[in-house]
Amino acid sequence: FSLIRLARKTIPNAMKIMVAGGRELMFGEEQYKIFENGANAFV
């Protein structure tokens, strides 16, 4: 989660910060919290 926040902070002008491979395995039941942490897209 902290790396998603870091990506958004480091690349603020990107239209999409997208969580791709490993979403389900890494985040499990909390996978939709990626949006609270700066992502705005997924596969």
PDB file of all heavy atoms in Angstrom:
ATOM      1  N   PHE A   1       0.836  -1.205   0.000  1.00  0.00           N
ATOM      2  CA  PHE A   1       0.000   0.000   0.000  1.00  0.00           C
ATOM      3  C   PHE A   1       0.871   1.256   0.000  1.00  0.00           C
ATOM      4  O   PHE A   1       0.576   2.226  -0.708  1.00  0.00           O
ATOM      5  CB  PHE A   1      -0.923   0.016   1.228  1.00  0.00           C
ATOM      6  CG  PHE A   1      -2.160  -0.819   1.090  1.00  0.00           C
ATOM      7  CD1 PHE A   1      -2.517  -1.723   2.089  1.00  0.00           C
ATOM      8  CD2 PHE A   1      -2.992  -0.708  -0.017  1.00  0.00           C
ATOM      9  CE1 PHE A   1      -3.672  -2.490   1.972  1.00  0.00           C
ATOM     10  CE2 PHE A   1      -4.144  -1.476  -0.150  1.00  0.00           C
ATOM     11  CZ  PHE A   1      -4.483  -2.377   0.856  1.00  0.00           C
ATOM     12  N   SER A   2       1.941   1.221   0.782  1.00  0.00           N
ATOM     13  CA  SER A   2       2.815   2.403   0.858  1.00  0.00           C
ATOM     14  C   SER A   2       3.490   2.674  -0.489  1.00  0.00           C
ATOM     15  O   SER A   2       3.752   3.833  -0.831  1.00  0.00           O
ATOM     16  CB  SER A   2       3.866   2.225   1.959  1.00  0.00           C
ATOM     17  OG  SER A   2       4.867   1.300   1.577  1.00  0.00           O
ATOM     18  N   LEU A   3       3.748   1.622  -1.266  1.00  0.00           N
ATOM     19  CA  LEU A   3       4.381   1.803  -2.578  1.00  0.00           C
ATOM     20  C   LEU A   3       3.416   2.421  -3.581  1.00  0.00           C
ATOM     21  O   LEU A   3       3.826   3.169  -4.471  1.00  0.00           O
ATOM     22  CB  LEU A   3       4.930   0.475  -3.087  1.00  0.00           C
ATOM     23  CG  LEU A   3       6.175  -0.006  -2.342  1.00  0.00           C
ATOM     24  CD1 LEU A   3       6.511  -1.445  -2.711  1.00  0.00           C
ATOM     25  CD2 LEU A   3       7.364   0.908  -2.626  1.00  0.00           C
ATOM     26  N   ILE A   4       2.134   2.111  -3.462  1.00  0.00           N
ATOM     27  CA  ILE A   4       1.143   2.781  -4.317  1.00  0.00           C
ATOM     28  C   ILE A   4       1.137   4.272  -3.996  1.00  0.00           C
ATOM     29  O   ILE A   4       1.132   5.121  -4.899  1.00  0.00           O
ATOM     30  CB  ILE A   4      -0.259   2.178  -4.127  1.00  0.00           C
ATOM     31  CG1 ILE A   4      -0.271   0.700  -4.505  1.00  0.00           C
ATOM     32  CG2 ILE A   4      -1.287   2.948  -4.968  1.00  0.00           C
ATOM     33  CD1 ILE A   4      -1.580  -0.011  -4.178  1.00  0.00           C
ATOM     34  N   ARG A   5       1.146   4.601  -2.700  1.00  0.00           N
ATOM     35  CA  ARG A   5       1.186   6.018  -2.295  1.00  0.00           C
ATOM     36  C   ARG A   5       2.453   6.697  -2.802  1.00  0.00           C
ATOM     37  O   ARG A   5       2.413   7.834  -3.275  1.00  0.00           O
ATOM     38  CB  ARG A   5       1.090   6.137  -0.769  1.00  0.00           C
ATOM     39  CG  ARG A   5      -0.222   5.651  -0.177  1.00  0.00           C
ATOM     40  CD  ARG A   5      -0.399   6.099   1.256  1.00  0.00           C
ATOM     41  NE  ARG A   5       0.596   5.558   2.170  1.00  0.00           N
ATOM     42  CZ  ARG A   5       0.501   4.389   2.803  1.00  0.00           C
ATOM     43  NH1 ARG A   5      -0.562   3.615   2.614  1.00  0.00           N
ATOM     44  NH2 ARG A   5       1.451   3.986   3.636  1.00  0.00           N
ATOM     45  N   LEU A   6       3.568   5.987  -2.716  1.00  0.00           N
ATOM     46  CA  LEU A   6       4.835   6.540  -3.179  1.00  0.00           C
ATOM     47  C   LEU A   6       4.825   6.776  -4.687  1.00  0.00           C
ATOM     48  O   LEU A   6       5.336   7.795  -5.174  1.00  0.00           O
ATOM     49  CB  LEU A   6       5.975   5.591  -2.804  1.00  0.00           C
ATOM     50  CG  LEU A   6       7.385   6.044  -3.196  1.00  0.00           C
ATOM     51  CD1 LEU A   6       7.763   7.340  -2.486  1.00  0.00           C
ATOM     52  CD2 LEU A   6       8.400   4.939  -2.876  1.00  0.00           C
ATOM     53  N   ALA A   7       4.213   5.845  -5.435  1.00  0.00           N
ATOM     54  CA  ALA A   7       4.116   6.014  -6.891  1.00  0.00           C
ATOM     55  C   ALA A   7       3.295   7.252  -7.235  1.00  0.00           C
ATOM     56  O   ALA A   7       3.678   8.053  -8.102  1.00  0.00           O
ATOM     57  CB  ALA A   7       3.508   4.770  -7.527  1.00  0.00           C
ATOM     58  N   ARG A   8       2.181   7.442  -6.552  1.00  0.00           N
ATOM     59  CA  ARG A   8       1.332   8.607  -6.811  1.00  0.00           C
ATOM     60  C   ARG A   8       2.074   9.903  -6.485  1.00  0.00           C
ATOM     61  O   ARG A   8       1.983  10.897  -7.224  1.00  0.00           O
ATOM     62  CB  ARG A   8       0.041   8.499  -5.981  1.00  0.00           C
ATOM     63  CG  ARG A   8      -0.907   9.688  -6.099  1.00  0.00           C
ATOM     64  CD  ARG A   8      -1.333   9.989  -7.510  1.00  0.00           C
ATOM     65  NE  ARG A   8      -2.290   9.028  -8.037  1.00  0.00           N
ATOM     66  CZ  ARG A   8      -2.730   9.027  -9.296  1.00  0.00           C
ATOM     67  NH1 ARG A   8      -2.277   9.941 -10.156  1.00  0.00           N
ATOM     68  NH2 ARG A   8      -3.597   8.140  -9.714  1.00  0.00           N
ATOM     69  N   LYS A   9       2.848   9.889  -5.400  1.00  0.00           N
ATOM     70  CA  LYS A   9       3.602  11.075  -4.997  1.00  0.00           C
ATOM     71  C   LYS A   9       4.752  11.359  -5.961  1.00  0.00           C
ATOM     72  O   LYS A   9       5.020  12.515  -6.313  1.00  0.00           O
ATOM     73  CB  LYS A   9       4.146  10.869  -3.585  1.00  0.00           C
ATOM     74  CG  LYS A   9       4.949  12.046  -3.045  1.00  0.00           C
ATOM     75  CD  LYS A   9       5.467  11.742  -1.649  1.00  0.00           C
ATOM     76  CE  LYS A   9       6.328  12.891  -1.113  1.00  0.00           C
ATOM     77  NZ  LYS A   9       6.878  12.580   0.232  1.00  0.00           N
ATOM     78  N   THR A  10       5.425  10.291  -6.410  1.00  0.00           N
ATOM     79  CA  THR A  10       6.614  10.455  -7.266  1.00  0.00           C
ATOM     80  C   THR A  10       6.234  10.777  -8.702  1.00  0.00           C
ATOM     81  O   THR A  10       6.979  11.464  -9.407  1.00  0.00           O
ATOM     82  CB  THR A  10       7.462   9.166  -7.243  1.00  0.00           C
ATOM     83  OG1 THR A  10       7.706   8.779  -5.888  1.00  0.00           O
ATOM     84  CG2 THR A  10       8.796   9.357  -7.943  1.00  0.00           C
ATOM     85  N   ILE A  11       5.074  10.266  -9.153  1.00  0.00           N
ATOM     86  CA  ILE A  11       4.643  10.467 -10.548  1.00  0.00           C
ATOM     87  C   ILE A  11       3.258  11.127 -10.531  1.00  0.00           C
ATOM     88  O   ILE A  11       2.260  10.545 -10.971  1.00  0.00           O
ATOM     89  CB  ILE A  11       4.612   9.125 -11.310  1.00  0.00           C
ATOM     90  CG1 ILE A  11       5.821   8.257 -10.923  1.00  0.00           C
ATOM     91  CG2 ILE A  11       4.595   9.326 -12.828  1.00  0.00           C
ATOM     92  CD1 ILE A  11       5.726   6.817 -11.337  1.00  0.00           C
ATOM     93  N   PRO A  12       3.146  12.340 -10.002  1.00  0.00           N
ATOM     94  CA  PRO A  12       1.827  12.957  -9.781  1.00  0.00           C
ATOM     95  C   PRO A  12       1.052  13.260 -11.052  1.00  0.00           C
ATOM     96  O   PRO A  12      -0.178  13.374 -11.021  1.00  0.00           O
ATOM     97  CB  PRO A  12       2.164  14.253  -9.024  1.00  0.00           C
ATOM     98  CG  PRO A  12       3.566  14.572  -9.441  1.00  0.00           C
ATOM     99  CD  PRO A  12       4.240  13.240  -9.608  1.00  0.00           C
ATOM    100  N   ASN A  13       1.761  13.387 -12.182  1.00  0.00           N
ATOM    101  CA  ASN A  13       1.085  13.766 -13.423  1.00  0.00           C
ATOM    102  C   ASN A  13       0.562  12.580 -14.228  1.00  0.00           C
ATOM    103  O   ASN A  13      -0.046  12.770 -15.287  1.00  0.00           O
ATOM    104  CB  ASN A  13       2.020  14.605 -14.286  1.00  0.00           C
ATOM    105  CG  ASN A  13       2.379  15.931 -13.625  1.00  0.00           C
ATOM    106  OD1 ASN A  13       1.556  16.511 -12.921  1.00  0.00           O
ATOM    107  ND2 ASN A  13       3.597  16.388 -13.819  1.00  0.00           N
ATOM    108  N   ALA A  14       0.808  11.354 -13.759  1.00  0.00           N
ATOM    109  CA  ALA A  14       0.294  10.180 -14.478  1.00  0.00           C
ATOM    110  C   ALA A  14      -1.226  10.170 -14.415  1.00  0.00           C
ATOM    111  O   ALA A  14      -1.819  10.358 -13.347  1.00  0.00           O
ATOM    112  CB  ALA A  14       0.852   8.902 -13.874  1.00  0.00           C
ATOM    113  N   MET A  15      -1.857   9.945 -15.562  1.00  0.00           N
ATOM    114  CA  MET A  15      -3.313   9.866 -15.584  1.00  0.00           C
ATOM    115  C   MET A  15      -3.811   8.677 -14.771  1.00  0.00           C
ATOM    116  O   MET A  15      -4.836   8.737 -14.100  1.00  0.00           O
ATOM    117  CB  MET A  15      -3.814   9.755 -17.030  1.00  0.00           C
ATOM    118  CG  MET A  15      -5.330   9.725 -17.147  1.00  0.00           C
ATOM    119  SD  MET A  15      -5.863   9.482 -18.855  1.00  0.00           S
ATOM    120  CE  MET A  15      -5.290  11.005 -19.601  1.00  0.00           C
ATOM    121  N   LYS A  16      -3.040   7.568 -14.841  1.00  0.00           N
ATOM    122  CA  LYS A  16      -3.459   6.362 -14.140  1.00  0.00           C
ATOM    123  C   LYS A  16      -2.290   5.768 -13.354  1.00  0.00           C
ATOM    124  O   LYS A  16      -1.200   5.570 -13.896  1.00  0.00           O
ATOM    125  CB  LYS A  16      -3.965   5.300 -15.125  1.00  0.00           C
ATOM    126  CG  LYS A  16      -5.049   5.765 -16.089  1.00  0.00           C
ATOM    127  CD  LYS A  16      -5.453   4.634 -17.025  1.00  0.00           C
ATOM    128  CE  LYS A  16      -6.417   5.116 -18.106  1.00  0.00           C
ATOM    129  NZ  LYS A  16      -5.724   5.533 -19.328  1.00  0.00           N
ATOM    130  N   ILE A  17      -2.531   5.494 -12.090  1.00  0.00           N
ATOM    131  CA  ILE A  17      -1.675   4.600 -11.310  1.00  0.00           C
ATOM    132  C   ILE A  17      -2.470   3.304 -11.209  1.00  0.00           C
ATOM    133  O   ILE A  17      -3.504   3.250 -10.557  1.00  0.00           O
ATOM    134  CB  ILE A  17      -1.349   5.157  -9.912  1.00  0.00           C
ATOM    135  CG1 ILE A  17      -0.608   6.494 -10.018  1.00  0.00           C
ATOM    136  CG2 ILE A  17      -0.550   4.137  -9.104  1.00  0.00           C
ATOM    137  CD1 ILE A  17       0.800   6.394 -10.570  1.00  0.00           C
ATOM    138  N   MET A  18      -2.005   2.287 -11.909  1.00  0.00           N
ATOM    139  CA  MET A  18      -2.795   1.063 -12.093  1.00  0.00           C
ATOM    140  C   MET A  18      -2.176  -0.115 -11.344  1.00  0.00           C
ATOM    141  O   MET A  18      -0.997  -0.421 -11.521  1.00  0.00           O
ATOM    142  CB  MET A  18      -2.877   0.718 -13.586  1.00  0.00           C
ATOM    143  CG  MET A  18      -3.709  -0.516 -13.875  1.00  0.00           C
ATOM    144  SD  MET A  18      -3.963  -0.785 -15.653  1.00  0.00           S
ATOM    145  CE  MET A  18      -2.350  -1.352 -16.162  1.00  0.00           C
ATOM    146  N   VAL A  19      -2.967  -0.763 -10.518  1.00  0.00           N
ATOM    147  CA  VAL A  19      -2.521  -1.993  -9.871  1.00  0.00           C
ATOM    148  C   VAL A  19      -2.804  -3.145 -10.830  1.00  0.00           C
ATOM    149  O   VAL A  19      -3.946  -3.355 -11.244  1.00  0.00           O
ATOM    150  CB  VAL A  19      -3.212  -2.198  -8.517  1.00  0.00           C
ATOM    151  CG1 VAL A  19      -2.836  -3.545  -7.917  1.00  0.00           C
ATOM    152  CG2 VAL A  19      -2.817  -1.070  -7.564  1.00  0.00           C
ATOM    153  N   ALA A  20      -1.763  -3.861 -11.188  1.00  0.00           N
ATOM    154  CA  ALA A  20      -1.895  -4.914 -12.203  1.00  0.00           C
ATOM    155  C   ALA A  20      -1.658  -6.279 -11.569  1.00  0.00           C
ATOM    156  O   ALA A  20      -2.355  -6.654 -10.622  1.00  0.00           O
ATOM    157  CB  ALA A  20      -0.932  -4.629 -13.353  1.00  0.00           C
ATOM    158  N   GLY A  21      -0.681  -7.047 -12.057  1.00  0.00           N
ATOM    159  CA  GLY A  21      -0.475  -8.404 -11.583  1.00  0.00           C
ATOM    160  C   GLY A  21      -0.232  -8.486 -10.081  1.00  0.00           C
ATOM    161  O   GLY A  21       0.472  -7.670  -9.507  1.00  0.00           O
ATOM    162  N   GLY A  22      -0.835  -9.482  -9.446  1.00  0.00           N
ATOM    163  CA  GLY A  22      -0.643  -9.716  -8.025  1.00  0.00           C
ATOM    164  C   GLY A  22      -1.638  -9.024  -7.118  1.00  0.00           C
ATOM    165  O   GLY A  22      -1.521  -9.107  -5.890  1.00  0.00           O
ATOM    166  N   ARG A  23      -2.622  -8.318  -7.681  1.00  0.00           N
ATOM    167  CA  ARG A  23      -3.593  -7.576  -6.857  1.00  0.00           C
ATOM    168  C   ARG A  23      -4.288  -8.479  -5.852  1.00  0.00           C
ATOM    169  O   ARG A  23      -4.335  -8.195  -4.647  1.00  0.00           O
ATOM    170  CB  ARG A  23      -4.629  -6.901  -7.760  1.00  0.00           C
ATOM    171  CG  ARG A  23      -5.857  -6.366  -6.997  1.00  0.00           C
ATOM    172  CD  ARG A  23      -6.739  -5.500  -7.863  1.00  0.00           C
ATOM    173  NE  ARG A  23      -7.288  -6.168  -9.010  1.00  0.00           N
ATOM    174  CZ  ARG A  23      -8.556  -6.617  -9.101  1.00  0.00           C
ATOM    175  NH1 ARG A  23      -9.384  -6.501  -8.079  1.00  0.00           N
ATOM    176  NH2 ARG A  23      -8.984  -7.181 -10.210  1.00  0.00           N
ATOM    177  N   GLU A  24      -4.844  -9.577  -6.330  1.00  0.00           N
ATOM    178  CA  GLU A  24      -5.640 -10.446  -5.460  1.00  0.00           C
ATOM    179  C   GLU A  24      -4.774 -11.110  -4.389  1.00  0.00           C
ATOM    180  O   GLU A  24      -5.153 -11.186  -3.210  1.00  0.00           O
ATOM    181  CB  GLU A  24      -6.350 -11.523  -6.295  1.00  0.00           C
ATOM    182  CG  GLU A  24      -7.366 -10.971  -7.295  1.00  0.00           C
ATOM    183  CD  GLU A  24      -6.757 -10.565  -8.638  1.00  0.00           C
ATOM    184  OE1 GLU A  24      -5.496 -10.554  -8.760  1.00  0.00           O
ATOM    185  OE2 GLU A  24      -7.514 -10.231  -9.557  1.00  0.00           O
ATOM    186  N   LEU A  25      -3.593 -11.578  -4.797  1.00  0.00           N
ATOM    187  CA  LEU A  25      -2.712 -12.285  -3.868  1.00  0.00           C
ATOM    188  C   LEU A  25      -2.136 -11.338  -2.812  1.00  0.00           C
ATOM    189  O   LEU A  25      -2.075 -11.669  -1.627  1.00  0.00           O
ATOM    190  CB  LEU A  25      -1.577 -12.955  -4.636  1.00  0.00           C
ATOM    191  CG  LEU A  25      -0.632 -13.841  -3.824  1.00  0.00           C
ATOM    192  CD1 LEU A  25      -1.370 -15.029  -3.232  1.00  0.00           C
ATOM    193  CD2 LEU A  25       0.527 -14.323  -4.700  1.00  0.00           C
ATOM    194  N   MET A  26      -1.714 -10.157  -3.231  1.00  0.00           N
ATOM    195  CA  MET A  26      -1.079  -9.224  -2.311  1.00  0.00           C
ATOM    196  C   MET A  26      -2.076  -8.577  -1.351  1.00  0.00           C
ATOM    197  O   MET A  26      -1.821  -8.445  -0.151  1.00  0.00           O
ATOM    198  CB  MET A  26      -0.343  -8.138  -3.105  1.00  0.00           C
ATOM    199  CG  MET A  26       0.280  -7.038  -2.241  1.00  0.00           C
ATOM    200  SD  MET A  26       1.376  -7.649  -0.929  1.00  0.00           S
ATOM    201  CE  MET A  26       2.758  -8.237  -1.911  1.00  0.00           C
ATOM    202  N   PHE A  27      -3.255  -8.191  -1.856  1.00  0.00           N
ATOM    203  CA  PHE A  27      -4.154  -7.383  -1.044  1.00  0.00           C
ATOM    204  C   PHE A  27      -5.359  -8.139  -0.497  1.00  0.00           C
ATOM    205  O   PHE A  27      -6.019  -7.658   0.419  1.00  0.00           O
ATOM    206  CB  PHE A  27      -4.613  -6.155  -1.843  1.00  0.00           C
ATOM    207  CG  PHE A  27      -3.474  -5.276  -2.267  1.00  0.00           C
ATOM    208  CD1 PHE A  27      -3.037  -5.259  -3.585  1.00  0.00           C
ATOM    209  CD2 PHE A  27      -2.805  -4.495  -1.348  1.00  0.00           C
ATOM    210  CE1 PHE A  27      -1.978  -4.459  -3.978  1.00  0.00           C
ATOM    211  CE2 PHE A  27      -1.739  -3.690  -1.735  1.00  0.00           C
ATOM    212  CZ  PHE A  27      -1.326  -3.668  -3.049  1.00  0.00           C
ATOM    213  N   GLY A  28      -5.661  -9.304  -1.058  1.00  0.00           N
ATOM    214  CA  GLY A  28      -6.737 -10.134  -0.525  1.00  0.00           C
ATOM    215  C   GLY A  28      -8.047  -9.390  -0.357  1.00  0.00           C
ATOM    216  O   GLY A  28      -8.517  -8.695  -1.270  1.00  0.00           O
ATOM    217  N   GLU A  29      -8.630  -9.490   0.838  1.00  0.00           N
ATOM    218  CA  GLU A  29      -9.936  -8.873   1.102  1.00  0.00           C
ATOM    219  C   GLU A  29      -9.844  -7.347   1.165  1.00  0.00           C
ATOM    220  O   GLU A  29     -10.868  -6.663   1.207  1.00  0.00           O
ATOM    221  CB  GLU A  29     -10.526  -9.419   2.409  1.00  0.00           C
ATOM    222  CG  GLU A  29      -9.842  -8.957   3.674  1.00  0.00           C
ATOM    223  CD  GLU A  29      -8.530  -9.671   4.006  1.00  0.00           C
ATOM    224  OE1 GLU A  29      -8.108 -10.551   3.220  1.00  0.00           O
ATOM    225  OE2 GLU A  29      -7.940  -9.337   5.045  1.00  0.00           O
ATOM    226  N   GLU A  30      -8.631  -6.812   1.162  1.00  0.00           N
ATOM    227  CA  GLU A  30      -8.454  -5.354   1.216  1.00  0.00           C
ATOM    228  C   GLU A  30      -8.082  -4.767  -0.143  1.00  0.00           C
ATOM    229  O   GLU A  30      -7.617  -3.626  -0.217  1.00  0.00           O
ATOM    230  CB  GLU A  30      -7.374  -5.004   2.242  1.00  0.00           C
ATOM    231  CG  GLU A  30      -7.730  -5.365   3.666  1.00  0.00           C
ATOM    232  CD  GLU A  30      -6.667  -4.896   4.645  1.00  0.00           C
ATOM    233  OE1 GLU A  30      -5.536  -5.404   4.580  1.00  0.00           O
ATOM    234  OE2 GLU A  30      -6.983  -4.003   5.451  1.00  0.00           O
ATOM    235  N   GLN A  31      -8.307  -5.529  -1.218  1.00  0.00           N
ATOM    236  CA  GLN A  31      -7.801  -5.083  -2.516  1.00  0.00           C
ATOM    237  C   GLN A  31      -8.423  -3.791  -3.023  1.00  0.00           C
ATOM    238  O   GLN A  31      -7.783  -3.046  -3.777  1.00  0.00           O
ATOM    239  CB  GLN A  31      -7.937  -6.183  -3.560  1.00  0.00           C
ATOM    240  CG  GLN A  31      -9.349  -6.639  -3.833  1.00  0.00           C
ATOM    241  CD  GLN A  31      -9.364  -7.926  -4.652  1.00  0.00           C
ATOM    242  OE1 GLN A  31      -9.373  -7.883  -5.865  1.00  0.00           O
ATOM    243  NE2 GLN A  31      -9.346  -9.062  -3.971  1.00  0.00           N
ATOM    244  N   TYR A  32      -9.634  -3.462  -2.607  1.00  0.00           N
ATOM    245  CA  TYR A  32     -10.245  -2.223  -3.097  1.00  0.00           C
ATOM    246  C   TYR A  32      -9.763  -1.005  -2.308  1.00  0.00           C
ATOM    247  O   TYR A  32     -10.074   0.130  -2.673  1.00  0.00           O
ATOM    248  CB  TYR A  32     -11.763  -2.343  -3.081  1.00  0.00           C
ATOM    249  CG  TYR A  32     -12.238  -3.494  -3.949  1.00  0.00           C
ATOM    250  CD1 TYR A  32     -12.642  -4.702  -3.379  1.00  0.00           C
ATOM    251  CD2 TYR A  32     -12.203  -3.406  -5.339  1.00  0.00           C
ATOM    252  CE1 TYR A  32     -13.021  -5.775  -4.174  1.00  0.00           C
ATOM    253  CE2 TYR A  32     -12.574  -4.470  -6.136  1.00  0.00           C
ATOM    254  CZ  TYR A  32     -12.987  -5.658  -5.549  1.00  0.00           C
ATOM    255  OH  TYR A  32     -13.348  -6.723  -6.331  1.00  0.00           O
ATOM    256  N   LYS A  33      -8.947  -1.239  -1.273  1.00  0.00           N
ATOM    257  CA  LYS A  33      -8.328  -0.129  -0.556  1.00  0.00           C
ATOM    258  C   LYS A  33      -7.186   0.481  -1.361  1.00  0.00           C
ATOM    259  O   LYS A  33      -6.614   1.497  -0.951  1.00  0.00           O
ATOM    260  CB  LYS A  33      -7.810  -0.598   0.810  1.00  0.00           C
ATOM    261  CG  LYS A  33      -8.918  -0.882   1.815  1.00  0.00           C
ATOM    262  CD  LYS A  33      -8.340  -1.219   3.180  1.00  0.00           C
ATOM    263  CE  LYS A  33      -9.460  -1.492   4.180  1.00  0.00           C
ATOM    264  NZ  LYS A  33      -8.892  -1.847   5.521  1.00  0.00           N
ATOM    265  N   ILE A  34      -6.852  -0.141  -2.488  1.00  0.00           N
ATOM    266  CA  ILE A  34      -5.815   0.459  -3.342  1.00  0.00           C
ATOM    267  C   ILE A  34      -6.216   1.869  -3.753  1.00  0.00           C
ATOM    268  O   ILE A  34      -5.360   2.735  -3.936  1.00  0.00           O
ATOM    269  CB  ILE A  34      -5.522  -0.400  -4.588  1.00  0.00           C
ATOM    270  CG1 ILE A  34      -6.774  -0.570  -5.460  1.00  0.00           C
ATOM    271  CG2 ILE A  34      -4.923  -1.752  -4.210  1.00  0.00           C
ATOM    272  CD1 ILE A  34      -6.530  -1.279  -6.799  1.00  0.00           C
ATOM    273  N   PHE A  35      -7.521   2.124  -3.855  1.00  0.00           N
ATOM    274  CA  PHE A  35      -7.996   3.442  -4.297  1.00  0.00           C
ATOM    275  C   PHE A  35      -7.822   4.483  -3.201  1.00  0.00           C
ATOM    276  O   PHE A  35      -7.630   5.662  -3.479  1.00  0.00           O
ATOM    277  CB  PHE A  35      -9.446   3.358  -4.754  1.00  0.00           C
ATOM    278  CG  PHE A  35      -9.665   2.334  -5.834  1.00  0.00           C
ATOM    279  CD1 PHE A  35     -10.541   1.278  -5.640  1.00  0.00           C
ATOM    280  CD2 PHE A  35      -8.976   2.399  -7.027  1.00  0.00           C
ATOM    281  CE1 PHE A  35     -10.733   0.312  -6.625  1.00  0.00           C
ATOM    282  CE2 PHE A  35      -9.148   1.444  -8.019  1.00  0.00           C
ATOM    283  CZ  PHE A  35     -10.037   0.396  -7.808  1.00  0.00           C
ATOM    284  N   GLU A  36      -7.900   4.072  -1.948  1.00  0.00           N
ATOM    285  CA  GLU A  36      -7.656   4.987  -0.839  1.00  0.00           C
ATOM    286  C   GLU A  36      -6.187   5.381  -0.767  1.00  0.00           C
ATOM    287  O   GLU A  36      -5.824   6.367  -0.134  1.00  0.00           O
ATOM    288  CB  GLU A  36      -8.055   4.338   0.490  1.00  0.00           C
ATOM    289  CG  GLU A  36      -9.515   3.988   0.621  1.00  0.00           C
ATOM    290  CD  GLU A  36      -9.788   3.209   1.909  1.00  0.00           C
ATOM    291  OE1 GLU A  36      -8.970   3.310   2.842  1.00  0.00           O
ATOM    292  OE2 GLU A  36     -10.806   2.500   1.962  1.00  0.00           O
ATOM    293  N   ASN A  37      -5.341   4.576  -1.410  1.00  0.00           N
ATOM    294  CA  ASN A  37      -3.901   4.786  -1.320  1.00  0.00           C
ATOM    295  C   ASN A  37      -3.289   5.391  -2.577  1.00  0.00           C
ATOM    296  O   ASN A  37      -2.067   5.469  -2.691  1.00  0.00           O
ATOM    297  CB  ASN A  37      -3.227   3.462  -0.987  1.00  0.00           C
ATOM    298  CG  ASN A  37      -3.468   3.043   0.454  1.00  0.00           C
ATOM    299  OD1 ASN A  37      -2.766   3.499   1.344  1.00  0.00           O
ATOM    300  ND2 ASN A  37      -4.472   2.209   0.691  1.00  0.00           N
ATOM    301  N   GLY A  38      -4.133   5.799  -3.538  1.00  0.00           N
ATOM    302  CA  GLY A  38      -3.613   6.546  -4.682  1.00  0.00           C
ATOM    303  C   GLY A  38      -3.792   5.916  -6.043  1.00  0.00           C
ATOM    304  O   GLY A  38      -3.550   6.557  -7.060  1.00  0.00           O
ATOM    305  N   ALA A  39      -4.187   4.641  -6.102  1.00  0.00           N
ATOM    306  CA  ALA A  39      -4.449   4.023  -7.406  1.00  0.00           C
ATOM    307  C   ALA A  39      -5.787   4.508  -7.946  1.00  0.00           C
ATOM    308  O   ALA A  39      -6.692   4.853  -7.185  1.00  0.00           O
ATOM    309  CB  ALA A  39      -4.453   2.505  -7.279  1.00  0.00           C
ATOM    310  N   ASN A  40      -5.919   4.531  -9.254  1.00  0.00           N
ATOM    311  CA  ASN A  40      -7.215   4.849  -9.857  1.00  0.00           C
ATOM    312  C   ASN A  40      -7.502   3.955 -11.061  1.00  0.00           C
ATOM    313  O   ASN A  40      -8.302   4.297 -11.935  1.00  0.00           O
ATOM    314  CB  ASN A  40      -7.303   6.324 -10.254  1.00  0.00           C
ATOM    315  CG  ASN A  40      -6.303   6.709 -11.333  1.00  0.00           C
ATOM    316  OD1 ASN A  40      -5.285   6.049 -11.512  1.00  0.00           O
ATOM    317  ND2 ASN A  40      -6.596   7.780 -12.051  1.00  0.00           N
ATOM    318  N   ALA A  41      -6.827   2.787 -11.108  1.00  0.00           N
ATOM    319  CA  ALA A  41      -7.040   1.843 -12.217  1.00  0.00           C
ATOM    320  C   ALA A  41      -6.572   0.463 -11.786  1.00  0.00           C
ATOM    321  O   ALA A  41      -5.690   0.331 -10.931  1.00  0.00           O
ATOM    322  CB  ALA A  41      -6.267   2.296 -13.454  1.00  0.00           C
ATOM    323  N   PHE A  42      -7.177  -0.570 -12.393  1.00  0.00           N
ATOM    324  CA  PHE A  42      -6.634  -1.920 -12.223  1.00  0.00           C
ATOM    325  C   PHE A  42      -6.961  -2.770 -13.431  1.00  0.00           C
ATOM    326  O   PHE A  42      -7.770  -2.396 -14.286  1.00  0.00           O
ATOM    327  CB  PHE A  42      -7.070  -2.570 -10.899  1.00  0.00           C
ATOM    328  CG  PHE A  42      -8.526  -2.952 -10.765  1.00  0.00           C
ATOM    329  CD1 PHE A  42      -9.081  -4.002 -11.483  1.00  0.00           C
ATOM    330  CD2 PHE A  42      -9.336  -2.297  -9.843  1.00  0.00           C
ATOM    331  CE1 PHE A  42     -10.398  -4.372 -11.319  1.00  0.00           C
ATOM    332  CE2 PHE A  42     -10.662  -2.663  -9.675  1.00  0.00           C
ATOM    333  CZ  PHE A  42     -11.197  -3.703 -10.414  1.00  0.00           C
ATOM    334  N   VAL A  43      -6.292  -3.922 -13.503  1.00  0.00           N
ATOM    335  CA  VAL A  43      -6.542  -4.870 -14.590  1.00  0.00           C
ATOM    336  C   VAL A  43      -7.753  -5.699 -14.234  1.00  0.00           C
ATOM    337  O   VAL A  43      -7.838  -6.269 -13.137  1.00  0.00           O
ATOM    338  CB  VAL A  43      -5.312  -5.781 -14.807  1.00  0.00           C
ATOM    339  CG1 VAL A  43      -5.637  -6.905 -15.786  1.00  0.00           C
ATOM    340  CG2 VAL A  43      -4.137  -4.957 -15.328  1.00  0.00           C
TER     341      VAL A  43
END
